[in-house]
Amino acid sequence: MPGLREVLEHLDAGNSVRGGAIVGADGLIIHNALQPDADEEAIAALAVTTMRHAEQFGESSRSGELKTAVLEYGGGPAILAPLSASATLVLLAKPDRDLGALLYALRVRRDALTGLV
């Protein structure tokens, strides 16, 4: 089975991703493909917390189940996507890129990523 880096390379035909991880519900890294200078522990813990808040927002606003959250930062967007009840995908994208193809690829290839959990 390919690792997260290989799956991200196939997912990211537009060369938009600068790193990624799969994070468990406990806030620990399951698979890591983050850049070496990333604070892995903080990213994992904050991704879980952010996902919980985004899910609560969806419930409160009657928007349904959370599929994907995109957070835009000056250094590039962060994309959070639940893969299962116990795992979340974190993608860190490069700034000033069109994320449309990446978000579509994530939607249609989520099963490949879920298989890594």
PDB file of N, CA and C in Angstrom:
ATOM      1  N   MET A   1       0.850  -1.179   0.000  1.00  0.00           N
ATOM      2  CA  MET A   1       0.000   0.000   0.000  1.00  0.00           C
ATOM      3  C   MET A   1       0.895   1.242   0.000  1.00  0.00           C
ATOM      4  N   PRO A   2       0.594   2.219  -0.843  1.00  0.00           N
ATOM      5  CA  PRO A   2       1.421   3.424  -0.884  1.00  0.00           C
ATOM      6  C   PRO A   2       1.280   4.229   0.404  1.00  0.00           C
ATOM      7  N   GLY A   3       2.309   5.015   0.698  1.00  0.00           N
ATOM      8  CA  GLY A   3       2.278   5.888   1.858  1.00  0.00           C
ATOM      9  C   GLY A   3       1.565   7.190   1.543  1.00  0.00           C
ATOM     10  N   LEU A   4       1.460   8.025   2.556  1.00  0.00           N
ATOM     11  CA  LEU A   4       0.750   9.296   2.401  1.00  0.00           C
ATOM     12  C   LEU A   4       1.423  10.180   1.359  1.00  0.00           C
ATOM     13  N   ARG A   5       2.736  10.243   1.339  1.00  0.00           N
ATOM     14  CA  ARG A   5       3.425  11.086   0.350  1.00  0.00           C
ATOM     15  C   ARG A   5       3.057  10.672  -1.078  1.00  0.00           C
ATOM     16  N   GLU A   6       3.038   9.370  -1.330  1.00  0.00           N
ATOM     17  CA  GLU A   6       2.706   8.886  -2.670  1.00  0.00           C
ATOM     18  C   GLU A   6       1.259   9.191  -3.028  1.00  0.00           C
ATOM     19  N   VAL A   7       0.359   9.015  -2.076  1.00  0.00           N
ATOM     20  CA  VAL A   7      -1.057   9.321  -2.328  1.00  0.00           C
ATOM     21  C   VAL A   7      -1.224  10.808  -2.605  1.00  0.00           C
ATOM     22  N   LEU A   8      -0.530  11.659  -1.835  1.00  0.00           N
ATOM     23  CA  LEU A   8      -0.627  13.101  -2.053  1.00  0.00           C
ATOM     24  C   LEU A   8      -0.084  13.493  -3.419  1.00  0.00           C
ATOM     25  N   GLU A   9       0.988  12.851  -3.859  1.00  0.00           N
ATOM     26  CA  GLU A   9       1.536  13.147  -5.186  1.00  0.00           C
ATOM     27  C   GLU A   9       0.522  12.832  -6.281  1.00  0.00           C
ATOM     28  N   HIS A  10      -0.199  11.724  -6.146  1.00  0.00           N
ATOM     29  CA  HIS A  10      -1.215  11.369  -7.140  1.00  0.00           C
ATOM     30  C   HIS A  10      -2.440  12.279  -7.036  1.00  0.00           C
ATOM     31  N   LEU A  11      -2.744  12.708  -5.841  1.00  0.00           N
ATOM     32  CA  LEU A  11      -3.895  13.579  -5.601  1.00  0.00           C
ATOM     33  C   LEU A  11      -3.627  14.979  -6.131  1.00  0.00           C
ATOM     34  N   ASP A  12      -2.383  15.417  -6.047  1.00  0.00           N
ATOM     35  CA  ASP A  12      -2.016  16.811  -6.286  1.00  0.00           C
ATOM     36  C   ASP A  12      -1.348  17.005  -7.637  1.00  0.00           C
ATOM     37  N   ALA A  13      -2.093  16.853  -8.699  1.00  0.00           N
ATOM     38  CA  ALA A  13      -1.534  17.029 -10.038  1.00  0.00           C
ATOM     39  C   ALA A  13      -1.106  18.469 -10.291  1.00  0.00           C
ATOM     40  N   GLY A  14      -1.691  19.435  -9.596  1.00  0.00           N
ATOM     41  CA  GLY A  14      -1.361  20.839  -9.797  1.00  0.00           C
ATOM     42  C   GLY A  14      -0.224  21.338  -8.938  1.00  0.00           C
ATOM     43  N   ASN A  15       0.439  20.443  -8.226  1.00  0.00           N
ATOM     44  CA  ASN A  15       1.567  20.810  -7.368  1.00  0.00           C
ATOM     45  C   ASN A  15       1.177  21.925  -6.391  1.00  0.00           C
ATOM     46  N   SER A  16       0.053  21.749  -5.716  1.00  0.00           N
ATOM     47  CA  SER A  16      -0.458  22.749  -4.783  1.00  0.00           C
ATOM     48  C   SER A  16      -0.150  22.438  -3.328  1.00  0.00           C
ATOM     49  N   VAL A  17       0.191  21.201  -3.010  1.00  0.00           N
ATOM     50  CA  VAL A  17       0.343  20.786  -1.619  1.00  0.00           C
ATOM     51  C   VAL A  17       1.784  20.941  -1.161  1.00  0.00           C
ATOM     52  N   ARG A  18       1.959  21.557   0.011  1.00  0.00           N
ATOM     53  CA  ARG A  18       3.300  21.664   0.589  1.00  0.00           C
ATOM     54  C   ARG A  18       3.502  20.683   1.727  1.00  0.00           C
ATOM     55  N   GLY A  19       2.458  20.002   2.150  1.00  0.00           N
ATOM     56  CA  GLY A  19       2.586  18.989   3.191  1.00  0.00           C
ATOM     57  C   GLY A  19       1.230  18.483   3.616  1.00  0.00           C
ATOM     58  N   GLY A  20       1.246  17.392   4.358  1.00  0.00           N
ATOM     59  CA  GLY A  20      -0.007  16.834   4.831  1.00  0.00           C
ATOM     60  C   GLY A  20       0.212  15.833   5.936  1.00  0.00           C
ATOM     61  N   ALA A  21      -0.874  15.474   6.590  1.00  0.00           N
ATOM     62  CA  ALA A  21      -0.830  14.484   7.661  1.00  0.00           C
ATOM     63  C   ALA A  21      -2.214  13.890   7.834  1.00  0.00           C
ATOM     64  N   ILE A  22      -2.238  12.708   8.385  1.00  0.00           N
ATOM     65  CA  ILE A  22      -3.488  12.122   8.857  1.00  0.00           C
ATOM     66  C   ILE A  22      -3.374  12.094  10.370  1.00  0.00           C
ATOM     67  N   VAL A  23      -4.382  12.665  11.020  1.00  0.00           N
ATOM     68  CA  VAL A  23      -4.371  12.859  12.461  1.00  0.00           C
ATOM     69  C   VAL A  23      -5.488  12.036  13.086  1.00  0.00           C
ATOM     70  N   GLY A  24      -5.187  11.366  14.176  1.00  0.00           N
ATOM     71  CA  GLY A  24      -6.193  10.601  14.895  1.00  0.00           C
ATOM     72  C   GLY A  24      -7.053  11.491  15.771  1.00  0.00           C
ATOM     73  N   ALA A  25      -8.193  10.968  16.200  1.00  0.00           N
ATOM     74  CA  ALA A  25      -9.118  11.722  17.046  1.00  0.00           C
ATOM     75  C   ALA A  25      -8.487  12.089  18.380  1.00  0.00           C
ATOM     76  N   ASP A  26      -7.421  11.389  18.755  1.00  0.00           N
ATOM     77  CA  ASP A  26      -6.708  11.683  19.997  1.00  0.00           C
ATOM     78  C   ASP A  26      -5.699  12.814  19.838  1.00  0.00           C
ATOM     79  N   GLY A  27      -5.585  13.366  18.613  1.00  0.00           N
ATOM     80  CA  GLY A  27      -4.665  14.469  18.373  1.00  0.00           C
ATOM     81  C   GLY A  27      -3.243  14.029  18.091  1.00  0.00           C
ATOM     82  N   LEU A  28      -3.057  12.763  17.740  1.00  0.00           N
ATOM     83  CA  LEU A  28      -1.730  12.254  17.414  1.00  0.00           C
ATOM     84  C   LEU A  28      -1.631  11.966  15.917  1.00  0.00           C
ATOM     85  N   ILE A  29      -0.432  12.112  15.380  1.00  0.00           N
ATOM     86  CA  ILE A  29      -0.179  11.868  13.961  1.00  0.00           C
ATOM     87  C   ILE A  29      -0.246  10.368  13.669  1.00  0.00           C
ATOM     88  N   ILE A  30      -1.034   9.994  12.661  1.00  0.00           N
ATOM     89  CA  ILE A  30      -1.086   8.610  12.187  1.00  0.00           C
ATOM     90  C   ILE A  30      -0.092   8.442  11.035  1.00  0.00           C
ATOM     91  N   HIS A  31      -0.145   9.356  10.051  1.00  0.00           N
ATOM     92  CA  HIS A  31       0.789   9.383   8.929  1.00  0.00           C
ATOM     93  C   HIS A  31       1.256  10.819   8.759  1.00  0.00           C
ATOM     94  N   ASN A  32       2.533  10.967   8.464  1.00  0.00           N
ATOM     95  CA  ASN A  32       3.106  12.298   8.383  1.00  0.00           C
ATOM     96  C   ASN A  32       3.789  12.518   7.043  1.00  0.00           C
ATOM     97  N   ALA A  33       3.384  13.563   6.363  1.00  0.00           N
ATOM     98  CA  ALA A  33       4.052  14.019   5.143  1.00  0.00           C
ATOM     99  C   ALA A  33       4.174  15.543   5.208  1.00  0.00           C
ATOM    100  N   LEU A  34       4.383  16.050   6.421  1.00  0.00           N
ATOM    101  CA  LEU A  34       4.540  17.490   6.626  1.00  0.00           C
ATOM    102  C   LEU A  34       5.962  17.917   6.306  1.00  0.00           C
ATOM    103  N   GLN A  35       6.139  19.194   6.051  1.00  0.00           N
ATOM    104  CA  GLN A  35       7.469  19.711   5.813  1.00  0.00           C
ATOM    105  C   GLN A  35       8.270  19.621   7.120  1.00  0.00           C
ATOM    106  N   PRO A  36       9.592  19.475   7.025  1.00  0.00           N
ATOM    107  CA  PRO A  36      10.414  19.234   8.220  1.00  0.00           C
ATOM    108  C   PRO A  36      10.316  20.309   9.305  1.00  0.00           C
ATOM    109  N   ASP A  37      10.059  21.550   8.939  1.00  0.00           N
ATOM    110  CA  ASP A  37      10.015  22.618   9.936  1.00  0.00           C
ATOM    111  C   ASP A  37       8.630  22.803  10.564  1.00  0.00           C
ATOM    112  N   ALA A  38       7.672  21.959  10.218  1.00  0.00           N
ATOM    113  CA  ALA A  38       6.308  22.073  10.762  1.00  0.00           C
ATOM    114  C   ALA A  38       6.263  21.569  12.200  1.00  0.00           C
ATOM    115  N   ASP A  39       5.454  22.198  13.014  1.00  0.00           N
ATOM    116  CA  ASP A  39       5.240  21.761  14.395  1.00  0.00           C
ATOM    117  C   ASP A  39       4.158  20.678  14.377  1.00  0.00           C
ATOM    118  N   GLU A  40       4.576  19.443  14.179  1.00  0.00           N
ATOM    119  CA  GLU A  40       3.661  18.318  13.991  1.00  0.00           C
ATOM    120  C   GLU A  40       2.671  18.167  15.140  1.00  0.00           C
ATOM    121  N   GLU A  41       3.165  18.238  16.363  1.00  0.00           N
ATOM    122  CA  GLU A  41       2.296  18.029  17.524  1.00  0.00           C
ATOM    123  C   GLU A  41       1.221  19.098  17.612  1.00  0.00           C
ATOM    124  N   ALA A  42       1.595  20.342  17.378  1.00  0.00           N
ATOM    125  CA  ALA A  42       0.614  21.427  17.429  1.00  0.00           C
ATOM    126  C   ALA A  42      -0.393  21.303  16.290  1.00  0.00           C
ATOM    127  N   ILE A  43       0.086  20.986  15.093  1.00  0.00           N
ATOM    128  CA  ILE A  43      -0.816  20.824  13.953  1.00  0.00           C
ATOM    129  C   ILE A  43      -1.842  19.738  14.248  1.00  0.00           C
ATOM    130  N   ALA A  44      -1.375  18.604  14.769  1.00  0.00           N
ATOM    131  CA  ALA A  44      -2.287  17.486  15.055  1.00  0.00           C
ATOM    132  C   ALA A  44      -3.323  17.878  16.100  1.00  0.00           C
ATOM    133  N   ALA A  45      -2.877  18.447  17.197  1.00  0.00           N
ATOM    134  CA  ALA A  45      -3.799  18.810  18.277  1.00  0.00           C
ATOM    135  C   ALA A  45      -4.793  19.875  17.824  1.00  0.00           C
ATOM    136  N   LEU A  46      -4.312  20.879  17.124  1.00  0.00           N
ATOM    137  CA  LEU A  46      -5.191  21.963  16.693  1.00  0.00           C
ATOM    138  C   LEU A  46      -6.135  21.531  15.574  1.00  0.00           C
ATOM    139  N   ALA A  47      -5.705  20.604  14.734  1.00  0.00           N
ATOM    140  CA  ALA A  47      -6.599  20.108  13.685  1.00  0.00           C
ATOM    141  C   ALA A  47      -7.811  19.427  14.293  1.00  0.00           C
ATOM    142  N   VAL A  48      -7.590  18.617  15.319  1.00  0.00           N
ATOM    143  CA  VAL A  48      -8.705  17.920  15.975  1.00  0.00           C
ATOM    144  C   VAL A  48      -9.657  18.930  16.611  1.00  0.00           C
ATOM    145  N   THR A  49      -9.102  19.905  17.296  1.00  0.00           N
ATOM    146  CA  THR A  49      -9.933  20.930  17.937  1.00  0.00           C
ATOM    147  C   THR A  49     -10.701  21.740  16.903  1.00  0.00           C
ATOM    148  N   THR A  50     -10.035  22.122  15.826  1.00  0.00           N
ATOM    149  CA  THR A  50     -10.687  22.903  14.767  1.00  0.00           C
ATOM    150  C   THR A  50     -11.811  22.099  14.123  1.00  0.00           C
ATOM    151  N   MET A  51     -11.575  20.824  13.884  1.00  0.00           N
ATOM    152  CA  MET A  51     -12.614  19.974  13.301  1.00  0.00           C
ATOM    153  C   MET A  51     -13.835  19.883  14.221  1.00  0.00           C
ATOM    154  N   ARG A  52     -13.599  19.732  15.504  1.00  0.00           N
ATOM    155  CA  ARG A  52     -14.731  19.662  16.442  1.00  0.00           C
ATOM    156  C   ARG A  52     -15.560  20.937  16.399  1.00  0.00           C
ATOM    157  N   HIS A  53     -14.875  22.077  16.367  1.00  0.00           N
ATOM    158  CA  HIS A  53     -15.603  23.349  16.314  1.00  0.00           C
ATOM    159  C   HIS A  53     -16.342  23.502  14.978  1.00  0.00           C
ATOM    160  N   ALA A  54     -15.709  23.096  13.887  1.00  0.00           N
ATOM    161  CA  ALA A  54     -16.369  23.189  12.575  1.00  0.00           C
ATOM    162  C   ALA A  54     -17.593  22.280  12.518  1.00  0.00           C
ATOM    163  N   GLU A  55     -17.492  21.095  13.107  1.00  0.00           N
ATOM    164  CA  GLU A  55     -18.648  20.194  13.149  1.00  0.00           C
ATOM    165  C   GLU A  55     -19.775  20.791  13.984  1.00  0.00           C
ATOM    166  N   GLN A  56     -19.436  21.399  15.109  1.00  0.00           N
ATOM    167  CA  GLN A  56     -20.446  22.048  15.950  1.00  0.00           C
ATOM    168  C   GLN A  56     -21.096  23.204  15.203  1.00  0.00           C
ATOM    169  N   PHE A  57     -20.300  23.945  14.449  1.00  0.00           N
ATOM    170  CA  PHE A  57     -20.840  25.036  13.652  1.00  0.00           C
ATOM    171  C   PHE A  57     -21.848  24.495  12.638  1.00  0.00           C
ATOM    172  N   GLY A  58     -21.503  23.407  11.977  1.00  0.00           N
ATOM    173  CA  GLY A  58     -22.409  22.785  11.010  1.00  0.00           C
ATOM    174  C   GLY A  58     -23.702  22.327  11.643  1.00  0.00           C
ATOM    175  N   GLU A  59     -23.604  21.752  12.837  1.00  0.00           N
ATOM    176  CA  GLU A  59     -24.809  21.320  13.551  1.00  0.00           C
ATOM    177  C   GLU A  59     -25.669  22.514  13.927  1.00  0.00           C
ATOM    178  N   SER A  60     -25.045  23.545  14.476  1.00  0.00           N
ATOM    179  CA  SER A  60     -25.793  24.732  14.916  1.00  0.00           C
ATOM    180  C   SER A  60     -26.461  25.457  13.761  1.00  0.00           C
ATOM    181  N   SER A  61     -25.800  25.461  12.620  1.00  0.00           N
ATOM    182  CA  SER A  61     -26.344  26.169  11.459  1.00  0.00           C
ATOM    183  C   SER A  61     -27.203  25.275  10.570  1.00  0.00           C
ATOM    184  N   ARG A  62     -27.417  24.038  11.023  1.00  0.00           N
ATOM    185  CA  ARG A  62     -28.217  23.072  10.272  1.00  0.00           C
ATOM    186  C   ARG A  62     -27.666  22.867   8.853  1.00  0.00           C
ATOM    187  N   SER A  63     -26.322  22.826   8.756  1.00  0.00           N
ATOM    188  CA  SER A  63     -25.663  22.682   7.463  1.00  0.00           C
ATOM    189  C   SER A  63     -25.324  21.245   7.111  1.00  0.00           C
ATOM    190  N   GLY A  64     -25.562  20.328   8.021  1.00  0.00           N
ATOM    191  CA  GLY A  64     -25.281  18.927   7.743  1.00  0.00           C
ATOM    192  C   GLY A  64     -23.870  18.518   8.126  1.00  0.00           C
ATOM    193  N   GLU A  65     -23.487  17.356   7.633  1.00  0.00           N
ATOM    194  CA  GLU A  65     -22.194  16.750   7.959  1.00  0.00           C
ATOM    195  C   GLU A  65     -21.046  17.527   7.314  1.00  0.00           C
ATOM    196  N   LEU A  66     -19.985  17.735   8.077  1.00  0.00           N
ATOM    197  CA  LEU A  66     -18.803  18.421   7.574  1.00  0.00           C
ATOM    198  C   LEU A  66     -18.069  17.523   6.586  1.00  0.00           C
ATOM    199  N   LYS A  67     -17.812  18.027   5.399  1.00  0.00           N
ATOM    200  CA  LYS A  67     -17.074  17.290   4.373  1.00  0.00           C
ATOM    201  C   LYS A  67     -15.631  17.782   4.275  1.00  0.00           C
ATOM    202  N   THR A  68     -15.462  19.101   4.212  1.00  0.00           N
ATOM    203  CA  THR A  68     -14.137  19.700   4.057  1.00  0.00           C
ATOM    204  C   THR A  68     -14.165  21.105   4.635  1.00  0.00           C
ATOM    205  N   ALA A  69     -13.091  21.475   5.325  1.00  0.00           N
ATOM    206  CA  ALA A  69     -12.941  22.841   5.823  1.00  0.00           C
ATOM    207  C   ALA A  69     -11.675  23.426   5.204  1.00  0.00           C
ATOM    208  N   VAL A  70     -11.781  24.634   4.669  1.00  0.00           N
ATOM    209  CA  VAL A  70     -10.635  25.315   4.075  1.00  0.00           C
ATOM    210  C   VAL A  70     -10.404  26.589   4.868  1.00  0.00           C
ATOM    211  N   LEU A  71      -9.192  26.717   5.395  1.00  0.00           N
ATOM    212  CA  LEU A  71      -8.805  27.892   6.167  1.00  0.00           C
ATOM    213  C   LEU A  71      -7.720  28.617   5.387  1.00  0.00           C
ATOM    214  N   GLU A  72      -7.943  29.870   5.075  1.00  0.00           N
ATOM    215  CA  GLU A  72      -7.002  30.617   4.240  1.00  0.00           C
ATOM    216  C   GLU A  72      -6.054  31.421   5.118  1.00  0.00           C
ATOM    217  N   TYR A  73      -4.758  31.196   4.906  1.00  0.00           N
ATOM    218  CA  TYR A  73      -3.700  31.899   5.637  1.00  0.00           C
ATOM    219  C   TYR A  73      -2.775  32.568   4.628  1.00  0.00           C
ATOM    220  N   GLY A  74      -2.020  33.551   5.072  1.00  0.00           N
ATOM    221  CA  GLY A  74      -1.079  34.243   4.198  1.00  0.00           C
ATOM    222  C   GLY A  74      -0.046  33.311   3.587  1.00  0.00           C
ATOM    223  N   GLY A  75       0.373  32.301   4.330  1.00  0.00           N
ATOM    224  CA  GLY A  75       1.372  31.357   3.846  1.00  0.00           C
ATOM    225  C   GLY A  75       0.786  30.205   3.058  1.00  0.00           C
ATOM    226  N   GLY A  76      -0.517  30.213   2.857  1.00  0.00           N
ATOM    227  CA  GLY A  76      -1.179  29.157   2.098  1.00  0.00           C
ATOM    228  C   GLY A  76      -2.325  28.553   2.879  1.00  0.00           C
ATOM    229  N   PRO A  77      -3.316  28.035   2.188  1.00  0.00           N
ATOM    230  CA  PRO A  77      -4.489  27.465   2.841  1.00  0.00           C
ATOM    231  C   PRO A  77      -4.180  26.161   3.579  1.00  0.00           C
ATOM    232  N   ALA A  78      -4.990  25.895   4.576  1.00  0.00           N
ATOM    233  CA  ALA A  78      -4.998  24.605   5.264  1.00  0.00           C
ATOM    234  C   ALA A  78      -6.350  23.971   4.973  1.00  0.00           C
ATOM    235  N   ILE A  79      -6.322  22.712   4.593  1.00  0.00           N
ATOM    236  CA  ILE A  79      -7.543  21.979   4.269  1.00  0.00           C
ATOM    237  C   ILE A  79      -7.673  20.843   5.267  1.00  0.00           C
ATOM    238  N   LEU A  80      -8.829  20.756   5.906  1.00  0.00           N
ATOM    239  CA  LEU A  80      -9.114  19.691   6.864  1.00  0.00           C
ATOM    240  C   LEU A  80     -10.293  18.895   6.340  1.00  0.00           C
ATOM    241  N   ALA A  81     -10.129  17.572   6.312  1.00  0.00           N
ATOM    242  CA  ALA A  81     -11.198  16.717   5.798  1.00  0.00           C
ATOM    243  C   ALA A  81     -11.286  15.453   6.636  1.00  0.00           C
ATOM    244  N   PRO A  82     -12.469  15.185   7.206  1.00  0.00           N
ATOM    245  CA  PRO A  82     -12.605  13.940   7.961  1.00  0.00           C
ATOM    246  C   PRO A  82     -12.527  12.741   7.019  1.00  0.00           C
ATOM    247  N   LEU A  83     -11.745  11.733   7.424  1.00  0.00           N
ATOM    248  CA  LEU A  83     -11.650  10.498   6.654  1.00  0.00           C
ATOM    249  C   LEU A  83     -12.502   9.406   7.275  1.00  0.00           C
ATOM    250  N   SER A  84     -12.652   9.477   8.587  1.00  0.00           N
ATOM    251  CA  SER A  84     -13.472   8.533   9.345  1.00  0.00           C
ATOM    252  C   SER A  84     -13.805   9.208  10.662  1.00  0.00           C
ATOM    253  N   ALA A  85     -14.511   8.492  11.528  1.00  0.00           N
ATOM    254  CA  ALA A  85     -14.833   9.060  12.843  1.00  0.00           C
ATOM    255  C   ALA A  85     -13.579   9.256  13.685  1.00  0.00           C
ATOM    256  N   SER A  86     -12.500   8.563  13.319  1.00  0.00           N
ATOM    257  CA  SER A  86     -11.294   8.627  14.149  1.00  0.00           C
ATOM    258  C   SER A  86     -10.077   9.209  13.437  1.00  0.00           C
ATOM    259  N   ALA A  87     -10.257   9.759  12.229  1.00  0.00           N
ATOM    260  CA  ALA A  87      -9.101  10.283  11.502  1.00  0.00           C
ATOM    261  C   ALA A  87      -9.473  11.478  10.638  1.00  0.00           C
ATOM    262  N   THR A  88      -8.563  12.454  10.603  1.00  0.00           N
ATOM    263  CA  THR A  88      -8.736  13.674   9.816  1.00  0.00           C
ATOM    264  C   THR A  88      -7.522  13.879   8.932  1.00  0.00           C
ATOM    265  N   LEU A  89      -7.761  14.252   7.695  1.00  0.00           N
ATOM    266  CA  LEU A  89      -6.689  14.616   6.784  1.00  0.00           C
ATOM    267  C   LEU A  89      -6.405  16.103   6.932  1.00  0.00           C
ATOM    268  N   VAL A  90      -5.136  16.448   7.042  1.00  0.00           N
ATOM    269  CA  VAL A  90      -4.684  17.833   7.066  1.00  0.00           C
ATOM    270  C   VAL A  90      -3.813  18.042   5.839  1.00  0.00           C
ATOM    271  N   LEU A  91      -4.189  18.970   4.990  1.00  0.00           N
ATOM    272  CA  LEU A  91      -3.374  19.340   3.835  1.00  0.00           C
ATOM    273  C   LEU A  91      -2.966  20.796   3.984  1.00  0.00           C
ATOM    274  N   LEU A  92      -1.700  21.074   3.808  1.00  0.00           N
ATOM    275  CA  LEU A  92      -1.204  22.444   3.800  1.00  0.00           C
ATOM    276  C   LEU A  92      -0.845  22.773   2.361  1.00  0.00           C
ATOM    277  N   ALA A  93      -1.530  23.764   1.803  1.00  0.00           N
ATOM    278  CA  ALA A  93      -1.370  24.100   0.388  1.00  0.00           C
ATOM    279  C   ALA A  93      -0.421  25.280   0.224  1.00  0.00           C
ATOM    280  N   LYS A  94       0.084  25.400  -0.975  1.00  0.00           N
ATOM    281  CA  LYS A  94       0.951  26.520  -1.315  1.00  0.00           C
ATOM    282  C   LYS A  94       0.078  27.752  -1.560  1.00  0.00           C
ATOM    283  N   PRO A  95       0.615  28.920  -1.257  1.00  0.00           N
ATOM    284  CA  PRO A  95      -0.184  30.138  -1.470  1.00  0.00           C
ATOM    285  C   PRO A  95      -0.395  30.426  -2.955  1.00  0.00           C
ATOM    286  N   ASP A  96      -1.426  31.172  -3.244  1.00  0.00           N
ATOM    287  CA  ASP A  96      -1.718  31.672  -4.587  1.00  0.00           C
ATOM    288  C   ASP A  96      -1.853  30.571  -5.632  1.00  0.00           C
ATOM    289  N   ARG A  97      -2.472  29.460  -5.244  1.00  0.00           N
ATOM    290  CA  ARG A  97      -2.744  28.374  -6.187  1.00  0.00           C
ATOM    291  C   ARG A  97      -4.247  28.185  -6.292  1.00  0.00           C
ATOM    292  N   ASP A  98      -4.695  27.727  -7.431  1.00  0.00           N
ATOM    293  CA  ASP A  98      -6.102  27.397  -7.620  1.00  0.00           C
ATOM    294  C   ASP A  98      -6.345  26.049  -6.957  1.00  0.00           C
ATOM    295  N   LEU A  99      -7.172  26.018  -5.925  1.00  0.00           N
ATOM    296  CA  LEU A  99      -7.412  24.794  -5.171  1.00  0.00           C
ATOM    297  C   LEU A  99      -8.558  23.958  -5.726  1.00  0.00           C
ATOM    298  N   GLY A 100      -9.213  24.432  -6.754  1.00  0.00           N
ATOM    299  CA  GLY A 100     -10.376  23.729  -7.279  1.00  0.00           C
ATOM    300  C   GLY A 100     -10.091  22.281  -7.636  1.00  0.00           C
ATOM    301  N   ALA A 101      -9.041  22.039  -8.396  1.00  0.00           N
ATOM    302  CA  ALA A 101      -8.706  20.668  -8.815  1.00  0.00           C
ATOM    303  C   ALA A 101      -8.313  19.811  -7.617  1.00  0.00           C
ATOM    304  N   LEU A 102      -7.603  20.389  -6.663  1.00  0.00           N
ATOM    305  CA  LEU A 102      -7.191  19.648  -5.470  1.00  0.00           C
ATOM    306  C   LEU A 102      -8.406  19.263  -4.633  1.00  0.00           C
ATOM    307  N   LEU A 103      -9.330  20.178  -4.439  1.00  0.00           N
ATOM    308  CA  LEU A 103     -10.530  19.884  -3.656  1.00  0.00           C
ATOM    309  C   LEU A 103     -11.399  18.839  -4.355  1.00  0.00           C
ATOM    310  N   TYR A 104     -11.476  18.907  -5.680  1.00  0.00           N
ATOM    311  CA  TYR A 104     -12.230  17.902  -6.418  1.00  0.00           C
ATOM    312  C   TYR A 104     -11.553  16.535  -6.295  1.00  0.00           C
ATOM    313  N   ALA A 105     -10.246  16.492  -6.458  1.00  0.00           N
ATOM    314  CA  ALA A 105      -9.508  15.227  -6.340  1.00  0.00           C
ATOM    315  C   ALA A 105      -9.661  14.647  -4.940  1.00  0.00           C
ATOM    316  N   LEU A 106      -9.642  15.493  -3.947  1.00  0.00           N
ATOM    317  CA  LEU A 106      -9.846  15.036  -2.569  1.00  0.00           C
ATOM    318  C   LEU A 106     -11.226  14.409  -2.416  1.00  0.00           C
ATOM    319  N   ARG A 107     -12.214  15.029  -2.995  1.00  0.00           N
ATOM    320  CA  ARG A 107     -13.583  14.515  -2.895  1.00  0.00           C
ATOM    321  C   ARG A 107     -13.718  13.138  -3.546  1.00  0.00           C
ATOM    322  N   VAL A 108     -13.146  12.972  -4.724  1.00  0.00           N
ATOM    323  CA  VAL A 108     -13.339  11.710  -5.441  1.00  0.00           C
ATOM    324  C   VAL A 108     -12.347  10.620  -5.026  1.00  0.00           C
ATOM    325  N   ARG A 109     -11.248  10.994  -4.372  1.00  0.00           N
ATOM    326  CA  ARG A 109     -10.237  10.002  -3.971  1.00  0.00           C
ATOM    327  C   ARG A 109     -10.132   9.832  -2.463  1.00  0.00           C
ATOM    328  N   ARG A 110     -11.135  10.261  -1.774  1.00  0.00           N
ATOM    329  CA  ARG A 110     -11.115  10.165  -0.305  1.00  0.00           C
ATOM    330  C   ARG A 110     -10.950   8.722   0.163  1.00  0.00           C
ATOM    331  N   ASP A 111     -11.498   7.766  -0.588  1.00  0.00           N
ATOM    332  CA  ASP A 111     -11.390   6.353  -0.199  1.00  0.00           C
ATOM    333  C   ASP A 111      -9.939   5.890  -0.141  1.00  0.00           C
ATOM    334  N   ALA A 112      -9.106   6.349  -1.075  1.00  0.00           N
ATOM    335  CA  ALA A 112      -7.688   5.974  -1.073  1.00  0.00           C
ATOM    336  C   ALA A 112      -7.006   6.475   0.187  1.00  0.00           C
ATOM    337  N   LEU A 113      -7.384   7.667   0.615  1.00  0.00           N
ATOM    338  CA  LEU A 113      -6.811   8.233   1.836  1.00  0.00           C
ATOM    339  C   LEU A 113      -7.356   7.525   3.068  1.00  0.00           C
ATOM    340  N   THR A 114      -8.627   7.193   3.040  1.00  0.00           N
ATOM    341  CA  THR A 114      -9.233   6.475   4.167  1.00  0.00           C
ATOM    342  C   THR A 114      -8.560   5.116   4.336  1.00  0.00           C
ATOM    343  N   GLY A 115      -8.105   4.522   3.244  1.00  0.00           N
ATOM    344  CA  GLY A 115      -7.414   3.240   3.311  1.00  0.00           C
ATOM    345  C   GLY A 115      -6.087   3.305   4.046  1.00  0.00           C
ATOM    346  N   LEU A 116      -5.542   4.487   4.236  1.00  0.00           N
ATOM    347  CA  LEU A 116      -4.289   4.636   4.976  1.00  0.00           C
ATOM    348  C   LEU A 116      -4.489   4.607   6.483  1.00  0.00           C
ATOM    349  N   VAL A 117      -5.731   4.716   6.919  1.00  0.00           N
ATOM    350  CA  VAL A 117      -6.015   4.804   8.363  1.00  0.00           C
ATOM    351  C   VAL A 117      -5.977   3.425   8.978  1.00  0.00           C
TER     352      VAL A 117
END
